[in-house]
Amino acid sequence: MRHVTFVVAICLLWGS
């Protein structure tokens, strides 16, 4: 698992 998933999750959370 790469850190990409974490970055995407943060983007989705902050994008809300």
PDB file of N, CA and C in Angstrom:
ATOM      1  N   MET A   1       0.845  -1.221   0.000  1.00  0.00           N
ATOM      2  CA  MET A   1       0.000   0.000   0.000  1.00  0.00           C
ATOM      3  C   MET A   1       0.871   1.258   0.000  1.00  0.00           C
ATOM      4  N   ARG A   2       0.587   2.128  -0.923  1.00  0.00           N
ATOM      5  CA  ARG A   2       1.401   3.352  -0.987  1.00  0.00           C
ATOM      6  C   ARG A   2       0.738   4.484  -0.208  1.00  0.00           C
ATOM      7  N   HIS A   3       1.456   5.558  -0.024  1.00  0.00           N
ATOM      8  CA  HIS A   3       0.911   6.711   0.705  1.00  0.00           C
ATOM      9  C   HIS A   3      -0.084   7.470  -0.155  1.00  0.00           C
ATOM     10  N   VAL A   4      -0.200   7.046  -1.405  1.00  0.00           N
ATOM     11  CA  VAL A   4      -1.122   7.731  -2.331  1.00  0.00           C
ATOM     12  C   VAL A   4      -2.545   7.671  -1.788  1.00  0.00           C
ATOM     13  N   THR A   5      -2.929   6.519  -1.252  1.00  0.00           N
ATOM     14  CA  THR A   5      -4.289   6.347  -0.710  1.00  0.00           C
ATOM     15  C   THR A   5      -4.554   7.365   0.388  1.00  0.00           C
ATOM     16  N   PHE A   6      -3.550   7.591   1.235  1.00  0.00           N
ATOM     17  CA  PHE A   6      -3.700   8.555   2.333  1.00  0.00           C
ATOM     18  C   PHE A   6      -3.880   9.965   1.781  1.00  0.00           C
ATOM     19  N   VAL A   7      -3.085  10.294   0.780  1.00  0.00           N
ATOM     20  CA  VAL A   7      -3.169  11.632   0.172  1.00  0.00           C
ATOM     21  C   VAL A   7      -4.539  11.844  -0.457  1.00  0.00           C
ATOM     22  N   VAL A   8      -5.026  10.821  -1.146  1.00  0.00           N
ATOM     23  CA  VAL A   8      -6.339  10.915  -1.794  1.00  0.00           C
ATOM     24  C   VAL A   8      -7.425  11.098  -0.742  1.00  0.00           C
ATOM     25  N   ALA A   9      -7.316  10.384   0.362  1.00  0.00           N
ATOM     26  CA  ALA A   9      -8.316  10.486   1.436  1.00  0.00           C
ATOM     27  C   ALA A   9      -8.332  11.905   1.988  1.00  0.00           C
ATOM     28  N   ILE A  10      -7.177  12.486   2.186  1.00  0.00           N
ATOM     29  CA  ILE A  10      -7.086  13.848   2.718  1.00  0.00           C
ATOM     30  C   ILE A  10      -7.693  14.835   1.734  1.00  0.00           C
ATOM     31  N   CYS A  11      -7.405  14.612   0.444  1.00  0.00           N
ATOM     32  CA  CYS A  11      -7.948  15.508  -0.598  1.00  0.00           C
ATOM     33  C   CYS A  11      -9.466  15.452  -0.586  1.00  0.00           C
ATOM     34  N   LEU A  12     -10.013  14.253  -0.442  1.00  0.00           N
ATOM     35  CA  LEU A  12     -11.474  14.098  -0.445  1.00  0.00           C
ATOM     36  C   LEU A  12     -12.070  14.747   0.791  1.00  0.00           C
ATOM     37  N   LEU A  13     -11.410  14.572   1.931  1.00  0.00           N
ATOM     38  CA  LEU A  13     -11.919  15.142   3.190  1.00  0.00           C
ATOM     39  C   LEU A  13     -11.868  16.670   3.138  1.00  0.00           C
ATOM     40  N   TRP A  14     -10.723  17.197   2.657  1.00  0.00           N
ATOM     41  CA  TRP A  14     -10.571  18.658   2.597  1.00  0.00           C
ATOM     42  C   TRP A  14     -11.401  19.250   1.472  1.00  0.00           C
ATOM     43  N   GLY A  15     -11.701  18.415   0.442  1.00  0.00           N
ATOM     44  CA  GLY A  15     -12.457  18.903  -0.709  1.00  0.00           C
ATOM     45  C   GLY A  15     -13.945  19.043  -0.378  1.00  0.00           C
ATOM     46  N   SER A  16     -14.371  18.332   0.655  1.00  0.00           N
ATOM     47  CA  SER A  16     -15.798  18.389   1.042  1.00  0.00           C
ATOM     48  C   SER A  16     -16.211  19.818   1.311  1.00  0.00           C
TER      49      SER A  16
END
